[in-house]
């Protein structure tokens, strides 16, 4: 049985039998003998992550006779990504009467940014792959808090960037009515 971590492989096997007695086992990694052990397990250390290795084991009896090899292939695991992306910067909210067009500078990450979560008044509104989003259906002349977080492939989130934005008032474009009942005084 072969089990791996990021930089180790633990090999274990069922004991061999012999008419006189098994003395030890030779263990190999990619064709190179790494150790001789008297147990039925061995741990290979100092390995590269996300790499394929071939492990082989052979039994040696008291007389020095060597069995055939049993082998298996295993891939070491990848170091988990626990690094969060940077906080989105330069968050801007361009308001109209019933919408806010938000934009920001892209975040960076040690692996890569997958998407951005956009918030309106601390409520998640959407997830986008772009660096802009339009909040629509808003009330005029109202203050809103908009926010954005970056998310990487592993699901790590950045801290939230946020700003307050006031939507505009619908401009008054209606002219007053014509004055009426103008009365002139005769002279």
C-alpha atoms as a PDB file:
ATOM      1  CA  UNK A   1       0.000   0.000   0.000  1.00  0.00           C
ATOM      2  CA  UNK A   2       1.299   3.471  -0.931  1.00  0.00           C
ATOM      3  CA  UNK A   3       0.170   6.685   0.713  1.00  0.00           C
ATOM      4  CA  UNK A   4       1.564  10.130  -0.007  1.00  0.00           C
ATOM      5  CA  UNK A   5       1.687  13.594   1.467  1.00  0.00           C
ATOM      6  CA  UNK A   6       3.261  16.698  -0.055  1.00  0.00           C
ATOM      7  CA  UNK A   7       6.842  15.463   0.315  1.00  0.00           C
ATOM      8  CA  UNK A   8       6.643  11.914   1.674  1.00  0.00           C
ATOM      9  CA  UNK A   9       5.503   8.463   0.599  1.00  0.00           C
ATOM     10  CA  UNK A  10       4.678   5.763   3.133  1.00  0.00           C
ATOM     11  CA  UNK A  11       5.011   2.270   1.676  1.00  0.00           C
ATOM     12  CA  UNK A  12       3.669  -0.766   3.510  1.00  0.00           C
ATOM     13  CA  UNK A  13       3.375  -4.379   2.408  1.00  0.00           C
ATOM     14  CA  UNK A  14       2.438  -7.857   3.610  1.00  0.00           C
ATOM     15  CA  UNK A  15       5.328  -9.868   4.975  1.00  0.00           C
ATOM     16  CA  UNK A  16       6.949 -12.386   2.649  1.00  0.00           C
ATOM     17  CA  UNK A  17       7.286 -16.059   3.566  1.00  0.00           C
ATOM     18  CA  UNK A  18      10.364 -18.283   3.201  1.00  0.00           C
ATOM     19  CA  UNK A  19      11.220 -21.903   3.994  1.00  0.00           C
ATOM     20  CA  UNK A  20      13.957 -20.694   6.380  1.00  0.00           C
ATOM     21  CA  UNK A  21      12.996 -17.096   7.133  1.00  0.00           C
ATOM     22  CA  UNK A  22      12.846 -13.611   5.639  1.00  0.00           C
ATOM     23  CA  UNK A  23      15.681 -11.443   6.926  1.00  0.00           C
ATOM     24  CA  UNK A  24      14.951  -8.029   5.417  1.00  0.00           C
ATOM     25  CA  UNK A  25      13.456  -6.009   2.593  1.00  0.00           C
ATOM     26  CA  UNK A  26      15.156  -3.758   0.054  1.00  0.00           C
ATOM     27  CA  UNK A  27      13.120  -0.659  -0.850  1.00  0.00           C
ATOM     28  CA  UNK A  28      13.605   1.291  -4.058  1.00  0.00           C
ATOM     29  CA  UNK A  29      12.484   4.684  -5.315  1.00  0.00           C
ATOM     30  CA  UNK A  30      12.522   5.186  -9.091  1.00  0.00           C
ATOM     31  CA  UNK A  31      14.877   2.231  -9.469  1.00  0.00           C
ATOM     32  CA  UNK A  32      17.383   3.378  -6.847  1.00  0.00           C
ATOM     33  CA  UNK A  33      17.810   1.378  -3.659  1.00  0.00           C
ATOM     34  CA  UNK A  34      17.012   3.665  -0.741  1.00  0.00           C
ATOM     35  CA  UNK A  35      17.124   1.371   2.286  1.00  0.00           C
ATOM     36  CA  UNK A  36      17.167  -2.124   3.703  1.00  0.00           C
ATOM     37  CA  UNK A  37      14.650  -2.636   6.507  1.00  0.00           C
ATOM     38  CA  UNK A  38      13.483  -5.464   8.721  1.00  0.00           C
ATOM     39  CA  UNK A  39       9.928  -4.066   9.007  1.00  0.00           C
ATOM     40  CA  UNK A  40       7.088  -4.180   6.468  1.00  0.00           C
ATOM     41  CA  UNK A  41       6.949  -0.442   5.929  1.00  0.00           C
ATOM     42  CA  UNK A  42       9.178   2.446   4.942  1.00  0.00           C
ATOM     43  CA  UNK A  43       8.756   6.219   4.644  1.00  0.00           C
ATOM     44  CA  UNK A  44      10.457   8.090   1.810  1.00  0.00           C
ATOM     45  CA  UNK A  45      11.037  11.737   2.758  1.00  0.00           C
ATOM     46  CA  UNK A  46      12.317  14.884   1.079  1.00  0.00           C
ATOM     47  CA  UNK A  47      10.329  14.311  -2.106  1.00  0.00           C
ATOM     48  CA  UNK A  48       9.028  16.876  -4.587  1.00  0.00           C
ATOM     49  CA  UNK A  49       5.363  17.761  -4.409  1.00  0.00           C
ATOM     50  CA  UNK A  50       2.975  16.787  -7.203  1.00  0.00           C
ATOM     51  CA  UNK A  51       5.486  14.301  -8.659  1.00  0.00           C
ATOM     52  CA  UNK A  52       5.061  10.697  -9.794  1.00  0.00           C
ATOM     53  CA  UNK A  53       7.349   8.127  -8.151  1.00  0.00           C
ATOM     54  CA  UNK A  54       7.738   4.352  -8.580  1.00  0.00           C
ATOM     55  CA  UNK A  55       8.241   2.424  -5.341  1.00  0.00           C
ATOM     56  CA  UNK A  56       9.500  -1.183  -5.335  1.00  0.00           C
ATOM     57  CA  UNK A  57      10.149  -3.732  -2.587  1.00  0.00           C
ATOM     58  CA  UNK A  58      11.949  -7.080  -2.612  1.00  0.00           C
ATOM     59  CA  UNK A  59      12.434  -9.639   0.166  1.00  0.00           C
ATOM     60  CA  UNK A  60      15.811 -11.082   1.191  1.00  0.00           C
ATOM     61  CA  UNK A  61      16.069 -14.361   3.132  1.00  0.00           C
ATOM     62  CA  UNK A  62      18.706 -15.524   5.634  1.00  0.00           C
ATOM     63  CA  UNK A  63      20.752 -17.129   2.844  1.00  0.00           C
ATOM     64  CA  UNK A  64      20.798 -13.905   0.793  1.00  0.00           C
ATOM     65  CA  UNK A  65      18.244 -15.077  -1.779  1.00  0.00           C
ATOM     66  CA  UNK A  66      16.248 -12.159  -3.226  1.00  0.00           C
ATOM     67  CA  UNK A  67      12.617 -12.342  -4.293  1.00  0.00           C
ATOM     68  CA  UNK A  68      11.193 -10.610  -7.301  1.00  0.00           C
ATOM     69  CA  UNK A  69      10.103  -7.018  -6.842  1.00  0.00           C
ATOM     70  CA  UNK A  70       6.622  -5.747  -6.249  1.00  0.00           C
ATOM     71  CA  UNK A  71       6.165  -2.147  -7.377  1.00  0.00           C
ATOM     72  CA  UNK A  72       3.620   0.600  -7.483  1.00  0.00           C
ATOM     73  CA  UNK A  73       3.309   4.145  -8.700  1.00  0.00           C
ATOM     74  CA  UNK A  74       2.204   7.077  -6.547  1.00  0.00           C
ATOM     75  CA  UNK A  75       1.930  10.843  -6.967  1.00  0.00           C
ATOM     76  CA  UNK A  76       2.851  13.106  -4.076  1.00  0.00           C
ATOM     77  CA  UNK A  77       0.247  15.653  -3.086  1.00  0.00           C
ATOM     78  CA  UNK A  78       0.327  19.365  -3.810  1.00  0.00           C
ATOM     79  CA  UNK A  79       0.871  21.919  -1.061  1.00  0.00           C
ATOM     80  CA  UNK A  80      -2.555  23.355  -0.245  1.00  0.00           C
ATOM     81  CA  UNK A  81      -3.052  26.994  -1.189  1.00  0.00           C
ATOM     82  CA  UNK A  82      -3.782  28.916   1.992  1.00  0.00           C
ATOM     83  CA  UNK A  83      -2.726  32.364   0.769  1.00  0.00           C
ATOM     84  CA  UNK A  84      -5.534  34.869   0.258  1.00  0.00           C
ATOM     85  CA  UNK A  85      -5.556  37.220  -2.715  1.00  0.00           C
ATOM     86  CA  UNK A  86      -4.743  40.877  -2.185  1.00  0.00           C
ATOM     87  CA  UNK A  87      -7.583  43.261  -1.384  1.00  0.00           C
ATOM     88  CA  UNK A  88      -9.068  44.835  -4.519  1.00  0.00           C
ATOM     89  CA  UNK A  89      -7.902  48.453  -4.771  1.00  0.00           C
ATOM     90  CA  UNK A  90      -9.176  51.661  -6.344  1.00  0.00           C
ATOM     91  CA  UNK A  91     -12.830  50.742  -5.785  1.00  0.00           C
ATOM     92  CA  UNK A  92     -14.954  53.374  -7.522  1.00  0.00           C
ATOM     93  CA  UNK A  93     -18.737  53.713  -7.582  1.00  0.00           C
ATOM     94  CA  UNK A  94     -20.171  55.829 -10.406  1.00  0.00           C
ATOM     95  CA  UNK A  95     -23.802  56.555  -9.433  1.00  0.00           C
ATOM     96  CA  UNK A  96     -26.835  57.367 -11.528  1.00  0.00           C
ATOM     97  CA  UNK A  97     -30.374  57.785 -10.193  1.00  0.00           C
ATOM     98  CA  UNK A  98     -31.107  54.052  -9.885  1.00  0.00           C
ATOM     99  CA  UNK A  99     -27.758  52.288 -10.380  1.00  0.00           C
ATOM    100  CA  UNK A 100     -24.113  52.300  -9.346  1.00  0.00           C
ATOM    101  CA  UNK A 101     -21.404  51.214 -11.765  1.00  0.00           C
ATOM    102  CA  UNK A 102     -18.577  49.782  -9.646  1.00  0.00           C
ATOM    103  CA  UNK A 103     -15.037  49.151 -10.857  1.00  0.00           C
ATOM    104  CA  UNK A 104     -11.764  48.231  -9.150  1.00  0.00           C
ATOM    105  CA  UNK A 105      -8.157  47.282  -9.830  1.00  0.00           C
ATOM    106  CA  UNK A 106      -7.533  43.544 -10.142  1.00  0.00           C
ATOM    107  CA  UNK A 107      -6.218  41.657  -7.123  1.00  0.00           C
ATOM    108  CA  UNK A 108      -3.101  39.487  -7.159  1.00  0.00           C
ATOM    109  CA  UNK A 109      -2.630  35.979  -5.771  1.00  0.00           C
ATOM    110  CA  UNK A 110       0.192  33.454  -5.477  1.00  0.00           C
ATOM    111  CA  UNK A 111      -1.771  31.053  -7.719  1.00  0.00           C
ATOM    112  CA  UNK A 112      -4.447  33.150  -9.404  1.00  0.00           C
ATOM    113  CA  UNK A 113      -7.656  35.076  -8.755  1.00  0.00           C
ATOM    114  CA  UNK A 114     -10.739  33.111  -9.802  1.00  0.00           C
ATOM    115  CA  UNK A 115     -13.513  35.645  -9.221  1.00  0.00           C
ATOM    116  CA  UNK A 116     -14.777  38.617  -7.246  1.00  0.00           C
ATOM    117  CA  UNK A 117     -17.731  38.686  -4.858  1.00  0.00           C
ATOM    118  CA  UNK A 118     -19.650  41.974  -4.969  1.00  0.00           C
ATOM    119  CA  UNK A 119     -21.732  43.195  -2.052  1.00  0.00           C
ATOM    120  CA  UNK A 120     -24.457  45.792  -1.639  1.00  0.00           C
ATOM    121  CA  UNK A 121     -25.013  46.874   1.976  1.00  0.00           C
ATOM    122  CA  UNK A 122     -23.109  43.757   3.162  1.00  0.00           C
ATOM    123  CA  UNK A 123     -25.322  41.371   1.140  1.00  0.00           C
ATOM    124  CA  UNK A 124     -23.665  39.282  -1.576  1.00  0.00           C
ATOM    125  CA  UNK A 125     -25.141  40.250  -4.938  1.00  0.00           C
ATOM    126  CA  UNK A 126     -23.032  38.371  -7.463  1.00  0.00           C
ATOM    127  CA  UNK A 127     -19.762  36.667  -8.348  1.00  0.00           C
ATOM    128  CA  UNK A 128     -17.961  37.965 -11.412  1.00  0.00           C
ATOM    129  CA  UNK A 129     -14.722  37.244 -13.249  1.00  0.00           C
ATOM    130  CA  UNK A 130     -14.364  40.881 -14.362  1.00  0.00           C
ATOM    131  CA  UNK A 131     -13.263  43.964 -12.429  1.00  0.00           C
ATOM    132  CA  UNK A 132     -16.581  45.779 -12.733  1.00  0.00           C
ATOM    133  CA  UNK A 133     -20.212  45.318 -11.818  1.00  0.00           C
ATOM    134  CA  UNK A 134     -23.404  47.391 -12.094  1.00  0.00           C
ATOM    135  CA  UNK A 135     -25.792  47.442  -9.144  1.00  0.00           C
ATOM    136  CA  UNK A 136     -29.211  48.159 -10.676  1.00  0.00           C
ATOM    137  CA  UNK A 137     -32.744  48.766  -9.379  1.00  0.00           C
ATOM    138  CA  UNK A 138     -31.629  51.169  -6.646  1.00  0.00           C
ATOM    139  CA  UNK A 139     -33.528  54.083  -5.131  1.00  0.00           C
ATOM    140  CA  UNK A 140     -32.514  57.611  -6.020  1.00  0.00           C
ATOM    141  CA  UNK A 141     -30.819  59.931  -3.542  1.00  0.00           C
ATOM    142  CA  UNK A 142     -29.923  56.984  -1.258  1.00  0.00           C
ATOM    143  CA  UNK A 143     -26.620  56.013   0.338  1.00  0.00           C
ATOM    144  CA  UNK A 144     -25.394  52.491  -0.428  1.00  0.00           C
ATOM    145  CA  UNK A 145     -22.278  50.646   0.724  1.00  0.00           C
ATOM    146  CA  UNK A 146     -20.696  48.650  -2.081  1.00  0.00           C
ATOM    147  CA  UNK A 147     -17.969  46.089  -1.484  1.00  0.00           C
ATOM    148  CA  UNK A 148     -15.790  43.601  -3.332  1.00  0.00           C
ATOM    149  CA  UNK A 149     -13.674  40.598  -2.274  1.00  0.00           C
ATOM    150  CA  UNK A 150     -11.260  38.580  -4.413  1.00  0.00           C
ATOM    151  CA  UNK A 151     -11.443  34.759  -4.359  1.00  0.00           C
ATOM    152  CA  UNK A 152      -8.724  32.378  -5.579  1.00  0.00           C
ATOM    153  CA  UNK A 153      -9.033  28.849  -6.996  1.00  0.00           C
ATOM    154  CA  UNK A 154      -8.704  27.308  -3.519  1.00  0.00           C
ATOM    155  CA  UNK A 155     -11.575  29.450  -2.180  1.00  0.00           C
ATOM    156  CA  UNK A 156      -9.368  31.790  -0.145  1.00  0.00           C
ATOM    157  CA  UNK A 157     -10.973  35.240   0.136  1.00  0.00           C
ATOM    158  CA  UNK A 158      -9.322  38.617   0.442  1.00  0.00           C
ATOM    159  CA  UNK A 159     -10.442  41.232   2.911  1.00  0.00           C
ATOM    160  CA  UNK A 160     -13.319  43.336   1.582  1.00  0.00           C
ATOM    161  CA  UNK A 161     -12.813  46.719  -0.011  1.00  0.00           C
ATOM    162  CA  UNK A 162     -15.852  48.939   0.450  1.00  0.00           C
ATOM    163  CA  UNK A 163     -17.050  52.490  -0.090  1.00  0.00           C
ATOM    164  CA  UNK A 164     -20.299  54.442   0.383  1.00  0.00           C
ATOM    165  CA  UNK A 165     -21.986  55.926  -2.665  1.00  0.00           C
ATOM    166  CA  UNK A 166     -25.070  58.157  -2.916  1.00  0.00           C
ATOM    167  CA  UNK A 167     -27.322  57.676  -5.930  1.00  0.00           C
ATOM    168  CA  UNK A 168     -28.309  60.796  -7.819  1.00  0.00           C
ATOM    169  CA  UNK A 169     -31.615  62.662  -7.752  1.00  0.00           C
ATOM    170  CA  UNK A 170     -33.714  62.642 -10.900  1.00  0.00           C
ATOM    171  CA  UNK A 171     -33.147  66.068 -12.433  1.00  0.00           C
ATOM    172  CA  UNK A 172     -36.161  68.367 -12.563  1.00  0.00           C
ATOM    173  CA  UNK A 173     -36.761  68.996 -16.266  1.00  0.00           C
ATOM    174  CA  UNK A 174     -40.409  70.061 -16.033  1.00  0.00           C
ATOM    175  CA  UNK A 175     -41.037  73.718 -16.753  1.00  0.00           C
ATOM    176  CA  UNK A 176     -43.506  75.581 -14.575  1.00  0.00           C
ATOM    177  CA  UNK A 177     -46.923  76.373 -16.022  1.00  0.00           C
ATOM    178  CA  UNK A 178     -47.534  79.673 -17.783  1.00  0.00           C
ATOM    179  CA  UNK A 179     -48.739  82.348 -15.418  1.00  0.00           C
ATOM    180  CA  UNK A 180     -52.451  83.010 -15.848  1.00  0.00           C
ATOM    181  CA  UNK A 181     -54.958  85.650 -14.939  1.00  0.00           C
ATOM    182  CA  UNK A 182     -52.652  88.502 -15.685  1.00  0.00           C
ATOM    183  CA  UNK A 183     -54.676  91.578 -14.952  1.00  0.00           C
ATOM    184  CA  UNK A 184     -53.587  94.913 -16.160  1.00  0.00           C
ATOM    185  CA  UNK A 185     -54.521  98.125 -14.355  1.00  0.00           C
ATOM    186  CA  UNK A 186     -55.864 100.784 -16.781  1.00  0.00           C
ATOM    187  CA  UNK A 187     -54.154 104.109 -16.531  1.00  0.00           C
END
